[in-house]
């Protein structure tokens, strides 16, 4: 995406955000924030539990290596990586190279890259399963208008197809096939030619990915379950935020809110920092559920405050994550 289009997307998102804040009123948002008070602490800590499940899932993909980072270091590396992803809002990939470099002293560079790819596939699969759950709950809880049911039906079919595609890639490997596909796409062919000397490395990473699926199916299922559980735990954030302003919502409603909002944000990933898309989607989903839509915008603001707190904490862990592994544990 060009810089001009990126700035245009940001400006449009900022405009939506400003409109919604003006519609609800700054005074009311500040009043809600004061009412939430001490609940910011459990909202902040809840994300720590989410990262705990994420780190455990990633650690399982490395557990059979001759040497691998201890769980505490894995947690620090993962949290730091997510913070770096927040700093690259257009593509959210800033943390992946950091994770590769951070675990390379234990695994070696190639196997470190393979473990990050395996985890990213699991992370995406967990996200897709969460979206499928939210869409299924949306069929039950949202108004049964033809437009809404059609949108949910198409979304479910697309998400199911993507899930099957990712599972197939995990079973059979797909990095070499992806390189072959890039050669056939004119816009990607120059990049494919630059990556061609790395074909042997990609083949080894494919083998590492499929080996984890076929030789450790139990750990694969455990890691995927942890990713799904992490996102399910995260949905409690919406229950806590609503509780802070005296509104009771069910966990099923929270799942629809969190899942569908995240789905919209991933579809509209081109908007930097999700400005406007998060607020607008939360406003709409709250309204469709028969809840006060103004609470949706306030929810987005609270989640941004939580994001900033964890970005700061995660960046603080970059130093700890980057400390050298003991020489006796370093992989060749």
C-alpha atoms as a PDB file:
ATOM      1  CA  UNK A   1       0.000   0.000   0.000  1.00  0.00           C
ATOM      2  CA  UNK A   2       1.307   3.462  -0.899  1.00  0.00           C
ATOM      3  CA  UNK A   3       1.989   6.046   1.764  1.00  0.00           C
ATOM      4  CA  UNK A   4      -0.860   8.248   0.435  1.00  0.00           C
ATOM      5  CA  UNK A   5      -3.423   5.448   0.669  1.00  0.00           C
ATOM      6  CA  UNK A   6      -2.184   4.582   4.145  1.00  0.00           C
ATOM      7  CA  UNK A   7      -2.619   8.187   5.264  1.00  0.00           C
ATOM      8  CA  UNK A   8      -6.067   8.304   3.626  1.00  0.00           C
ATOM      9  CA  UNK A   9      -7.177   5.166   5.463  1.00  0.00           C
ATOM     10  CA  UNK A  10      -5.874   6.609   8.728  1.00  0.00           C
ATOM     11  CA  UNK A  11      -7.679   9.920   8.114  1.00  0.00           C
ATOM     12  CA  UNK A  12     -10.983   8.168   7.352  1.00  0.00           C
ATOM     13  CA  UNK A  13     -10.654   6.016  10.463  1.00  0.00           C
ATOM     14  CA  UNK A  14      -9.795   9.049  12.581  1.00  0.00           C
ATOM     15  CA  UNK A  15     -12.859  10.802  11.175  1.00  0.00           C
ATOM     16  CA  UNK A  16     -15.121   7.907  12.204  1.00  0.00           C
ATOM     17  CA  UNK A  17     -13.557   7.904  15.659  1.00  0.00           C
ATOM     18  CA  UNK A  18     -14.030  11.661  16.102  1.00  0.00           C
ATOM     19  CA  UNK A  19     -17.652  11.468  14.914  1.00  0.00           C
ATOM     20  CA  UNK A  20     -18.541   8.688  17.353  1.00  0.00           C
ATOM     21  CA  UNK A  21     -16.839  10.435  20.286  1.00  0.00           C
ATOM     22  CA  UNK A  22     -18.693  13.673  19.465  1.00  0.00           C
ATOM     23  CA  UNK A  23     -21.997  11.773  19.101  1.00  0.00           C
ATOM     24  CA  UNK A  24     -21.664  10.151  22.538  1.00  0.00           C
ATOM     25  CA  UNK A  25     -20.009  13.073  24.290  1.00  0.00           C
ATOM     26  CA  UNK A  26     -16.591  13.408  25.890  1.00  0.00           C
ATOM     27  CA  UNK A  27     -18.187  14.075  29.268  1.00  0.00           C
ATOM     28  CA  UNK A  28     -20.026  10.790  29.298  1.00  0.00           C
ATOM     29  CA  UNK A  29     -16.908   8.849  28.269  1.00  0.00           C
ATOM     30  CA  UNK A  30     -14.904  10.451  31.090  1.00  0.00           C
ATOM     31  CA  UNK A  31     -17.715   9.674  33.533  1.00  0.00           C
ATOM     32  CA  UNK A  32     -17.687   6.020  32.441  1.00  0.00           C
ATOM     33  CA  UNK A  33     -13.913   5.894  32.874  1.00  0.00           C
ATOM     34  CA  UNK A  34     -14.173   7.216  36.418  1.00  0.00           C
ATOM     35  CA  UNK A  35     -16.890   4.676  37.183  1.00  0.00           C
ATOM     36  CA  UNK A  36     -14.752   1.783  35.897  1.00  0.00           C
ATOM     37  CA  UNK A  37     -11.991   2.642  38.358  1.00  0.00           C
ATOM     38  CA  UNK A  38     -10.297  -0.395  39.944  1.00  0.00           C
ATOM     39  CA  UNK A  39     -11.639  -2.761  37.259  1.00  0.00           C
ATOM     40  CA  UNK A  40      -8.809  -1.563  35.019  1.00  0.00           C
ATOM     41  CA  UNK A  41      -6.492  -3.818  37.075  1.00  0.00           C
ATOM     42  CA  UNK A  42      -8.282  -7.142  36.364  1.00  0.00           C
ATOM     43  CA  UNK A  43      -8.754  -6.039  32.746  1.00  0.00           C
ATOM     44  CA  UNK A  44      -4.987  -5.534  32.518  1.00  0.00           C
ATOM     45  CA  UNK A  45      -4.172  -8.811  34.295  1.00  0.00           C
ATOM     46  CA  UNK A  46      -6.613 -10.758  32.121  1.00  0.00           C
ATOM     47  CA  UNK A  47      -4.384 -10.094  29.127  1.00  0.00           C
ATOM     48  CA  UNK A  48      -1.472 -11.548  31.075  1.00  0.00           C
ATOM     49  CA  UNK A  49      -3.437 -14.818  31.338  1.00  0.00           C
ATOM     50  CA  UNK A  50      -4.096 -14.675  27.585  1.00  0.00           C
ATOM     51  CA  UNK A  51      -0.340 -14.360  26.961  1.00  0.00           C
ATOM     52  CA  UNK A  52       0.241 -17.262  29.349  1.00  0.00           C
ATOM     53  CA  UNK A  53      -1.842 -19.564  27.118  1.00  0.00           C
ATOM     54  CA  UNK A  54      -0.133 -18.184  23.991  1.00  0.00           C
ATOM     55  CA  UNK A  55       3.336 -18.759  25.432  1.00  0.00           C
ATOM     56  CA  UNK A  56       2.426 -22.279  26.529  1.00  0.00           C
ATOM     57  CA  UNK A  57       1.204 -23.094  23.001  1.00  0.00           C
ATOM     58  CA  UNK A  58       4.453 -21.808  21.458  1.00  0.00           C
ATOM     59  CA  UNK A  59       6.570 -23.595  24.062  1.00  0.00           C
ATOM     60  CA  UNK A  60       4.886 -26.904  23.143  1.00  0.00           C
ATOM     61  CA  UNK A  61       6.113 -26.516  19.556  1.00  0.00           C
ATOM     62  CA  UNK A  62       9.720 -26.330  20.840  1.00  0.00           C
ATOM     63  CA  UNK A  63       9.544 -28.815  23.710  1.00  0.00           C
ATOM     64  CA  UNK A  64      11.123 -31.728  21.777  1.00  0.00           C
ATOM     65  CA  UNK A  65      14.157 -29.747  20.633  1.00  0.00           C
ATOM     66  CA  UNK A  66      17.526 -30.809  22.163  1.00  0.00           C
ATOM     67  CA  UNK A  67      17.639 -27.377  23.773  1.00  0.00           C
ATOM     68  CA  UNK A  68      14.848 -24.843  24.039  1.00  0.00           C
ATOM     69  CA  UNK A  69      14.191 -21.687  26.049  1.00  0.00           C
ATOM     70  CA  UNK A  70      12.628 -22.124  29.501  1.00  0.00           C
ATOM     71  CA  UNK A  71       8.973 -21.251  29.799  1.00  0.00           C
ATOM     72  CA  UNK A  72       9.596 -17.941  31.583  1.00  0.00           C
ATOM     73  CA  UNK A  73      11.875 -16.749  28.774  1.00  0.00           C
ATOM     74  CA  UNK A  74       9.364 -17.968  26.180  1.00  0.00           C
ATOM     75  CA  UNK A  75       6.662 -15.849  27.866  1.00  0.00           C
ATOM     76  CA  UNK A  76       8.900 -12.767  27.864  1.00  0.00           C
ATOM     77  CA  UNK A  77       9.853 -13.235  24.190  1.00  0.00           C
ATOM     78  CA  UNK A  78       6.243 -13.740  23.143  1.00  0.00           C
ATOM     79  CA  UNK A  79       4.942 -10.682  25.043  1.00  0.00           C
ATOM     80  CA  UNK A  80       7.779  -8.547  23.682  1.00  0.00           C
ATOM     81  CA  UNK A  81       7.013  -9.772  20.159  1.00  0.00           C
ATOM     82  CA  UNK A  82       3.347  -8.825  20.436  1.00  0.00           C
ATOM     83  CA  UNK A  83       4.364  -5.359  21.631  1.00  0.00           C
ATOM     84  CA  UNK A  84       6.624  -4.939  18.608  1.00  0.00           C
ATOM     85  CA  UNK A  85       3.725  -6.042  16.379  1.00  0.00           C
ATOM     86  CA  UNK A  86       1.669  -3.169  17.775  1.00  0.00           C
ATOM     87  CA  UNK A  87       4.461  -0.848  16.640  1.00  0.00           C
ATOM     88  CA  UNK A  88       4.051  -2.030  13.014  1.00  0.00           C
ATOM     89  CA  UNK A  89       0.274  -1.567  12.652  1.00  0.00           C
ATOM     90  CA  UNK A  90       0.032  -2.053   8.885  1.00  0.00           C
ATOM     91  CA  UNK A  91       1.215  -5.678   8.773  1.00  0.00           C
ATOM     92  CA  UNK A  92       1.768  -6.716  12.411  1.00  0.00           C
ATOM     93  CA  UNK A  93       4.992  -8.599  11.646  1.00  0.00           C
ATOM     94  CA  UNK A  94       7.566  -6.610  13.604  1.00  0.00           C
ATOM     95  CA  UNK A  95       7.592  -9.169  16.407  1.00  0.00           C
ATOM     96  CA  UNK A  96       8.227 -12.282  14.310  1.00  0.00           C
ATOM     97  CA  UNK A  97      11.851 -11.494  13.288  1.00  0.00           C
ATOM     98  CA  UNK A  98      12.510 -10.553  16.923  1.00  0.00           C
ATOM     99  CA  UNK A  99      11.147 -13.914  18.148  1.00  0.00           C
ATOM    100  CA  UNK A 100      13.303 -15.787  15.643  1.00  0.00           C
ATOM    101  CA  UNK A 101      16.434 -13.953  16.782  1.00  0.00           C
ATOM    102  CA  UNK A 102      15.539 -14.345  20.475  1.00  0.00           C
ATOM    103  CA  UNK A 103      15.136 -18.152  20.405  1.00  0.00           C
ATOM    104  CA  UNK A 104      17.913 -18.793  17.861  1.00  0.00           C
ATOM    105  CA  UNK A 105      20.596 -19.203  20.589  1.00  0.00           C
ATOM    106  CA  UNK A 106      18.710 -22.313  21.748  1.00  0.00           C
ATOM    107  CA  UNK A 107      17.326 -23.711  18.482  1.00  0.00           C
ATOM    108  CA  UNK A 108      19.576 -22.373  15.768  1.00  0.00           C
ATOM    109  CA  UNK A 109      18.360 -19.868  13.203  1.00  0.00           C
ATOM    110  CA  UNK A 110      16.517 -22.239  10.848  1.00  0.00           C
ATOM    111  CA  UNK A 111      14.652 -24.184  13.525  1.00  0.00           C
ATOM    112  CA  UNK A 112      13.868 -20.939  15.355  1.00  0.00           C
ATOM    113  CA  UNK A 113      12.257 -19.606  12.168  1.00  0.00           C
ATOM    114  CA  UNK A 114      10.369 -22.883  11.795  1.00  0.00           C
ATOM    115  CA  UNK A 115       9.033 -22.707  15.350  1.00  0.00           C
ATOM    116  CA  UNK A 116       7.794 -19.150  14.782  1.00  0.00           C
ATOM    117  CA  UNK A 117       6.053 -20.207  11.549  1.00  0.00           C
ATOM    118  CA  UNK A 118       4.443 -23.199  13.312  1.00  0.00           C
ATOM    119  CA  UNK A 119       3.225 -20.988  16.125  1.00  0.00           C
ATOM    120  CA  UNK A 120       1.894 -18.362  13.716  1.00  0.00           C
ATOM    121  CA  UNK A 121      -0.135 -21.053  11.935  1.00  0.00           C
ATOM    122  CA  UNK A 122      -1.525 -22.253  15.278  1.00  0.00           C
ATOM    123  CA  UNK A 123      -2.245 -18.662  16.320  1.00  0.00           C
ATOM    124  CA  UNK A 124      -4.138 -18.030  13.074  1.00  0.00           C
ATOM    125  CA  UNK A 125      -6.054 -21.310  13.389  1.00  0.00           C
ATOM    126  CA  UNK A 126      -7.093 -20.363  16.924  1.00  0.00           C
ATOM    127  CA  UNK A 127      -8.265 -16.987  15.622  1.00  0.00           C
ATOM    128  CA  UNK A 128     -10.303 -18.616  12.829  1.00  0.00           C
ATOM    129  CA  UNK A 129     -11.953 -21.042  15.274  1.00  0.00           C
ATOM    130  CA  UNK A 130     -12.816 -18.070  17.493  1.00  0.00           C
ATOM    131  CA  UNK A 131     -14.373 -16.260  14.521  1.00  0.00           C
ATOM    132  CA  UNK A 132     -16.397 -19.359  13.603  1.00  0.00           C
ATOM    133  CA  UNK A 133     -17.700 -19.565  17.173  1.00  0.00           C
ATOM    134  CA  UNK A 134     -18.634 -15.877  17.180  1.00  0.00           C
ATOM    135  CA  UNK A 135     -20.445 -16.186  13.841  1.00  0.00           C
ATOM    136  CA  UNK A 136     -22.391 -19.242  15.076  1.00  0.00           C
ATOM    137  CA  UNK A 137     -23.403 -17.370  18.251  1.00  0.00           C
ATOM    138  CA  UNK A 138     -24.283 -14.353  16.116  1.00  0.00           C
ATOM    139  CA  UNK A 139     -26.842 -16.437  14.212  1.00  0.00           C
ATOM    140  CA  UNK A 140     -28.564 -17.067  17.561  1.00  0.00           C
ATOM    141  CA  UNK A 141     -28.214 -13.649  19.217  1.00  0.00           C
ATOM    142  CA  UNK A 142     -28.311 -11.083  16.402  1.00  0.00           C
ATOM    143  CA  UNK A 143     -31.521  -9.969  14.640  1.00  0.00           C
ATOM    144  CA  UNK A 144     -32.666 -12.513  12.050  1.00  0.00           C
ATOM    145  CA  UNK A 145     -32.867 -10.118   9.122  1.00  0.00           C
ATOM    146  CA  UNK A 146     -32.024 -11.555   5.671  1.00  0.00           C
ATOM    147  CA  UNK A 147     -29.004  -9.245   5.267  1.00  0.00           C
ATOM    148  CA  UNK A 148     -27.481 -10.211   8.626  1.00  0.00           C
ATOM    149  CA  UNK A 149     -28.094 -13.942   8.145  1.00  0.00           C
ATOM    150  CA  UNK A 150     -26.639 -13.823   4.623  1.00  0.00           C
ATOM    151  CA  UNK A 151     -23.544 -11.965   5.848  1.00  0.00           C
ATOM    152  CA  UNK A 152     -23.025 -14.430   8.682  1.00  0.00           C
ATOM    153  CA  UNK A 153     -23.541 -17.387   6.330  1.00  0.00           C
ATOM    154  CA  UNK A 154     -20.963 -16.148   3.811  1.00  0.00           C
ATOM    155  CA  UNK A 155     -18.533 -15.325   6.628  1.00  0.00           C
ATOM    156  CA  UNK A 156     -18.868 -18.818   8.091  1.00  0.00           C
ATOM    157  CA  UNK A 157     -18.221 -20.466   4.701  1.00  0.00           C
ATOM    158  CA  UNK A 158     -15.117 -18.342   4.007  1.00  0.00           C
ATOM    159  CA  UNK A 159     -13.732 -18.867   7.527  1.00  0.00           C
ATOM    160  CA  UNK A 160     -14.307 -22.638   7.315  1.00  0.00           C
ATOM    161  CA  UNK A 161     -12.486 -22.764   3.950  1.00  0.00           C
ATOM    162  CA  UNK A 162      -9.511 -20.824   5.357  1.00  0.00           C
ATOM    163  CA  UNK A 163      -9.379 -23.161   8.361  1.00  0.00           C
ATOM    164  CA  UNK A 164      -9.257 -26.235   6.112  1.00  0.00           C
ATOM    165  CA  UNK A 165      -6.569 -24.575   3.957  1.00  0.00           C
ATOM    166  CA  UNK A 166      -4.354 -23.858   6.967  1.00  0.00           C
ATOM    167  CA  UNK A 167      -4.807 -27.356   8.374  1.00  0.00           C
ATOM    168  CA  UNK A 168      -3.811 -28.804   4.990  1.00  0.00           C
ATOM    169  CA  UNK A 169      -0.702 -26.628   4.964  1.00  0.00           C
ATOM    170  CA  UNK A 170       0.210 -27.838   8.448  1.00  0.00           C
ATOM    171  CA  UNK A 171      -0.192 -31.478   7.405  1.00  0.00           C
ATOM    172  CA  UNK A 172       1.615 -31.253   4.070  1.00  0.00           C
ATOM    173  CA  UNK A 173       3.783 -28.157   4.328  1.00  0.00           C
ATOM    174  CA  UNK A 174       3.300 -25.201   2.053  1.00  0.00           C
ATOM    175  CA  UNK A 175       6.336 -22.933   2.016  1.00  0.00           C
ATOM    176  CA  UNK A 176       7.839 -24.471  -1.152  1.00  0.00           C
ATOM    177  CA  UNK A 177       4.453 -24.478  -2.877  1.00  0.00           C
ATOM    178  CA  UNK A 178       4.006 -20.837  -1.874  1.00  0.00           C
ATOM    179  CA  UNK A 179       7.377 -20.006  -3.469  1.00  0.00           C
ATOM    180  CA  UNK A 180       6.303 -21.803  -6.684  1.00  0.00           C
ATOM    181  CA  UNK A 181       3.056 -19.813  -6.692  1.00  0.00           C
ATOM    182  CA  UNK A 182       4.947 -16.538  -6.253  1.00  0.00           C
ATOM    183  CA  UNK A 183       6.996 -17.320  -9.367  1.00  0.00           C
ATOM    184  CA  UNK A 184       3.739 -17.443 -11.375  1.00  0.00           C
ATOM    185  CA  UNK A 185       2.428 -14.087 -10.083  1.00  0.00           C
ATOM    186  CA  UNK A 186       4.032 -11.163 -12.005  1.00  0.00           C
ATOM    187  CA  UNK A 187       4.038  -8.742  -9.073  1.00  0.00           C
ATOM    188  CA  UNK A 188       5.630 -11.312  -6.740  1.00  0.00           C
ATOM    189  CA  UNK A 189       8.023 -12.917  -9.233  1.00  0.00           C
ATOM    190  CA  UNK A 190      10.976 -10.585  -8.404  1.00  0.00           C
ATOM    191  CA  UNK A 191      10.647 -11.440  -4.715  1.00  0.00           C
ATOM    192  CA  UNK A 192      10.384 -15.140  -5.578  1.00  0.00           C
ATOM    193  CA  UNK A 193      13.646 -14.956  -7.540  1.00  0.00           C
ATOM    194  CA  UNK A 194      15.363 -13.387  -4.532  1.00  0.00           C
ATOM    195  CA  UNK A 195      14.044 -16.175  -2.289  1.00  0.00           C
ATOM    196  CA  UNK A 196      14.916 -19.001  -4.701  1.00  0.00           C
ATOM    197  CA  UNK A 197      18.419 -19.569  -3.200  1.00  0.00           C
ATOM    198  CA  UNK A 198      16.607 -20.291   0.105  1.00  0.00           C
ATOM    199  CA  UNK A 199      14.493 -23.118  -1.371  1.00  0.00           C
ATOM    200  CA  UNK A 200      16.445 -25.811   0.494  1.00  0.00           C
ATOM    201  CA  UNK A 201      15.891 -23.964   3.779  1.00  0.00           C
ATOM    202  CA  UNK A 202      12.180 -23.613   3.028  1.00  0.00           C
ATOM    203  CA  UNK A 203      11.996 -27.353   2.335  1.00  0.00           C
ATOM    204  CA  UNK A 204      13.609 -28.067   5.720  1.00  0.00           C
ATOM    205  CA  UNK A 205      11.137 -25.732   7.431  1.00  0.00           C
ATOM    206  CA  UNK A 206       8.268 -27.514   5.639  1.00  0.00           C
ATOM    207  CA  UNK A 207       9.595 -30.772   7.054  1.00  0.00           C
ATOM    208  CA  UNK A 208       9.755 -29.257  10.546  1.00  0.00           C
ATOM    209  CA  UNK A 209       6.146 -28.021  10.270  1.00  0.00           C
ATOM    210  CA  UNK A 210       4.718 -31.329   9.060  1.00  0.00           C
ATOM    211  CA  UNK A 211       6.834 -33.293  11.540  1.00  0.00           C
ATOM    212  CA  UNK A 212       5.215 -31.464  14.444  1.00  0.00           C
ATOM    213  CA  UNK A 213       1.743 -32.294  13.094  1.00  0.00           C
ATOM    214  CA  UNK A 214       2.357 -35.964  12.271  1.00  0.00           C
ATOM    215  CA  UNK A 215       4.780 -37.033  15.011  1.00  0.00           C
ATOM    216  CA  UNK A 216       3.290 -34.978  17.817  1.00  0.00           C
ATOM    217  CA  UNK A 217      -0.473 -34.871  17.079  1.00  0.00           C
ATOM    218  CA  UNK A 218      -1.309 -34.681  20.776  1.00  0.00           C
ATOM    219  CA  UNK A 219       0.867 -31.618  21.274  1.00  0.00           C
ATOM    220  CA  UNK A 220      -0.560 -30.072  18.124  1.00  0.00           C
ATOM    221  CA  UNK A 221      -4.086 -30.440  19.520  1.00  0.00           C
ATOM    222  CA  UNK A 222      -2.962 -29.151  22.948  1.00  0.00           C
ATOM    223  CA  UNK A 223      -1.280 -26.094  21.419  1.00  0.00           C
ATOM    224  CA  UNK A 224      -4.295 -25.326  19.207  1.00  0.00           C
ATOM    225  CA  UNK A 225      -6.646 -25.745  22.182  1.00  0.00           C
ATOM    226  CA  UNK A 226      -4.523 -23.302  24.209  1.00  0.00           C
ATOM    227  CA  UNK A 227      -4.730 -20.737  21.397  1.00  0.00           C
ATOM    228  CA  UNK A 228      -8.519 -21.116  21.257  1.00  0.00           C
ATOM    229  CA  UNK A 229      -8.812 -20.938  25.070  1.00  0.00           C
ATOM    230  CA  UNK A 230      -6.662 -17.787  25.128  1.00  0.00           C
ATOM    231  CA  UNK A 231      -9.099 -15.996  22.839  1.00  0.00           C
ATOM    232  CA  UNK A 232     -12.074 -17.322  24.780  1.00  0.00           C
ATOM    233  CA  UNK A 233     -10.562 -15.954  28.006  1.00  0.00           C
ATOM    234  CA  UNK A 234     -10.018 -12.603  26.322  1.00  0.00           C
ATOM    235  CA  UNK A 235     -13.781 -12.273  25.733  1.00  0.00           C
ATOM    236  CA  UNK A 236     -14.211 -11.810  29.483  1.00  0.00           C
ATOM    237  CA  UNK A 237     -12.723  -8.337  29.015  1.00  0.00           C
ATOM    238  CA  UNK A 238     -16.021  -7.136  27.553  1.00  0.00           C
ATOM    239  CA  UNK A 239     -17.949  -8.528  30.536  1.00  0.00           C
ATOM    240  CA  UNK A 240     -15.606  -6.657  32.919  1.00  0.00           C
ATOM    241  CA  UNK A 241     -15.795  -3.381  31.001  1.00  0.00           C
ATOM    242  CA  UNK A 242     -19.598  -3.470  30.932  1.00  0.00           C
ATOM    243  CA  UNK A 243     -19.666  -4.386  34.629  1.00  0.00           C
ATOM    244  CA  UNK A 244     -17.583  -1.300  35.371  1.00  0.00           C
ATOM    245  CA  UNK A 245     -20.362   0.991  34.104  1.00  0.00           C
ATOM    246  CA  UNK A 246     -23.186  -1.011  35.649  1.00  0.00           C
ATOM    247  CA  UNK A 247     -24.272  -2.969  32.570  1.00  0.00           C
ATOM    248  CA  UNK A 248     -24.598  -6.754  32.693  1.00  0.00           C
ATOM    249  CA  UNK A 249     -23.892  -8.696  29.504  1.00  0.00           C
ATOM    250  CA  UNK A 250     -23.680 -12.460  29.133  1.00  0.00           C
ATOM    251  CA  UNK A 251     -20.522 -14.305  28.143  1.00  0.00           C
ATOM    252  CA  UNK A 252     -22.194 -15.350  24.872  1.00  0.00           C
ATOM    253  CA  UNK A 253     -22.887 -11.683  24.046  1.00  0.00           C
ATOM    254  CA  UNK A 254     -19.295 -10.828  24.934  1.00  0.00           C
ATOM    255  CA  UNK A 255     -18.065 -13.563  22.569  1.00  0.00           C
ATOM    256  CA  UNK A 256     -20.154 -12.163  19.714  1.00  0.00           C
ATOM    257  CA  UNK A 257     -18.885  -8.657  20.467  1.00  0.00           C
ATOM    258  CA  UNK A 258     -15.227  -9.645  20.675  1.00  0.00           C
ATOM    259  CA  UNK A 259     -15.227 -12.183  17.851  1.00  0.00           C
ATOM    260  CA  UNK A 260     -17.119 -10.151  15.240  1.00  0.00           C
ATOM    261  CA  UNK A 261     -15.261  -6.948  16.091  1.00  0.00           C
ATOM    262  CA  UNK A 262     -11.911  -8.710  15.699  1.00  0.00           C
ATOM    263  CA  UNK A 263     -13.103 -10.196  12.405  1.00  0.00           C
ATOM    264  CA  UNK A 264     -13.967  -6.744  11.053  1.00  0.00           C
ATOM    265  CA  UNK A 265     -10.614  -5.360  12.214  1.00  0.00           C
ATOM    266  CA  UNK A 266      -8.733  -8.157  10.430  1.00  0.00           C
ATOM    267  CA  UNK A 267     -10.693  -7.581   7.228  1.00  0.00           C
ATOM    268  CA  UNK A 268      -9.925  -3.839   7.430  1.00  0.00           C
ATOM    269  CA  UNK A 269      -6.293  -4.360   8.459  1.00  0.00           C
ATOM    270  CA  UNK A 270      -5.131  -1.523   6.175  1.00  0.00           C
ATOM    271  CA  UNK A 271      -6.265   1.103   8.697  1.00  0.00           C
ATOM    272  CA  UNK A 272      -3.276   1.903  10.951  1.00  0.00           C
ATOM    273  CA  UNK A 273      -3.853   1.270  14.658  1.00  0.00           C
ATOM    274  CA  UNK A 274      -7.444   0.206  13.822  1.00  0.00           C
ATOM    275  CA  UNK A 275      -8.460   3.837  14.236  1.00  0.00           C
ATOM    276  CA  UNK A 276     -12.204   4.117  13.709  1.00  0.00           C
ATOM    277  CA  UNK A 277     -12.669   0.466  12.675  1.00  0.00           C
ATOM    278  CA  UNK A 278     -12.593  -0.787  16.261  1.00  0.00           C
ATOM    279  CA  UNK A 279     -14.901   1.955  17.527  1.00  0.00           C
ATOM    280  CA  UNK A 280     -17.274   1.680  14.565  1.00  0.00           C
ATOM    281  CA  UNK A 281     -17.554  -2.113  14.671  1.00  0.00           C
ATOM    282  CA  UNK A 282     -18.090  -2.153  18.450  1.00  0.00           C
ATOM    283  CA  UNK A 283     -20.724   0.591  18.132  1.00  0.00           C
ATOM    284  CA  UNK A 284     -22.582  -1.457  15.498  1.00  0.00           C
ATOM    285  CA  UNK A 285     -22.360  -4.844  17.267  1.00  0.00           C
ATOM    286  CA  UNK A 286     -23.536  -3.370  20.586  1.00  0.00           C
ATOM    287  CA  UNK A 287     -26.472  -1.788  18.763  1.00  0.00           C
ATOM    288  CA  UNK A 288     -27.388  -5.050  16.992  1.00  0.00           C
ATOM    289  CA  UNK A 289     -27.368  -6.867  20.349  1.00  0.00           C
ATOM    290  CA  UNK A 290     -29.817  -4.332  21.777  1.00  0.00           C
ATOM    291  CA  UNK A 291     -27.182  -2.753  24.020  1.00  0.00           C
ATOM    292  CA  UNK A 292     -26.241   0.913  24.366  1.00  0.00           C
ATOM    293  CA  UNK A 293     -23.975   1.577  21.329  1.00  0.00           C
ATOM    294  CA  UNK A 294     -22.184   4.310  23.259  1.00  0.00           C
ATOM    295  CA  UNK A 295     -20.789   1.601  25.520  1.00  0.00           C
ATOM    296  CA  UNK A 296     -19.150   0.103  22.432  1.00  0.00           C
ATOM    297  CA  UNK A 297     -17.068   3.207  21.842  1.00  0.00           C
ATOM    298  CA  UNK A 298     -16.129   3.369  25.514  1.00  0.00           C
ATOM    299  CA  UNK A 299     -15.134  -0.320  25.336  1.00  0.00           C
ATOM    300  CA  UNK A 300     -12.798   0.481  22.439  1.00  0.00           C
ATOM    301  CA  UNK A 301     -11.153   3.267  24.448  1.00  0.00           C
ATOM    302  CA  UNK A 302     -10.627   1.014  27.480  1.00  0.00           C
ATOM    303  CA  UNK A 303      -9.101  -1.694  25.279  1.00  0.00           C
ATOM    304  CA  UNK A 304      -6.731   0.897  23.790  1.00  0.00           C
ATOM    305  CA  UNK A 305      -5.593   1.904  27.274  1.00  0.00           C
ATOM    306  CA  UNK A 306      -4.977  -1.780  28.033  1.00  0.00           C
ATOM    307  CA  UNK A 307      -3.070  -2.112  24.751  1.00  0.00           C
ATOM    308  CA  UNK A 308      -0.833   0.826  25.659  1.00  0.00           C
ATOM    309  CA  UNK A 309      -0.112  -0.616  29.107  1.00  0.00           C
ATOM    310  CA  UNK A 310       0.880  -3.984  27.641  1.00  0.00           C
ATOM    311  CA  UNK A 311       2.923  -2.349  24.860  1.00  0.00           C
ATOM    312  CA  UNK A 312       4.935  -0.594  27.556  1.00  0.00           C
ATOM    313  CA  UNK A 313       5.313  -3.758  29.605  1.00  0.00           C
ATOM    314  CA  UNK A 314       6.160  -5.850  26.543  1.00  0.00           C
ATOM    315  CA  UNK A 315       8.791  -3.405  25.338  1.00  0.00           C
ATOM    316  CA  UNK A 316      10.318  -3.560  28.808  1.00  0.00           C
ATOM    317  CA  UNK A 317      10.622  -7.330  28.314  1.00  0.00           C
ATOM    318  CA  UNK A 318      12.596  -6.851  25.092  1.00  0.00           C
ATOM    319  CA  UNK A 319      15.766  -6.440  27.140  1.00  0.00           C
ATOM    320  CA  UNK A 320      15.102  -9.580  29.170  1.00  0.00           C
ATOM    321  CA  UNK A 321      14.088 -11.526  26.052  1.00  0.00           C
ATOM    322  CA  UNK A 322      17.228 -10.527  24.225  1.00  0.00           C
ATOM    323  CA  UNK A 323      19.676 -11.654  26.902  1.00  0.00           C
ATOM    324  CA  UNK A 324      22.042 -14.317  25.630  1.00  0.00           C
ATOM    325  CA  UNK A 325      21.193 -17.930  26.310  1.00  0.00           C
ATOM    326  CA  UNK A 326      23.692 -19.920  28.406  1.00  0.00           C
ATOM    327  CA  UNK A 327      26.483 -21.243  26.221  1.00  0.00           C
ATOM    328  CA  UNK A 328      25.752 -24.813  27.239  1.00  0.00           C
ATOM    329  CA  UNK A 329      22.183 -24.402  25.941  1.00  0.00           C
ATOM    330  CA  UNK A 330      23.082 -22.691  22.689  1.00  0.00           C
ATOM    331  CA  UNK A 331      22.151 -24.666  19.605  1.00  0.00           C
ATOM    332  CA  UNK A 332      24.679 -25.039  16.761  1.00  0.00           C
END
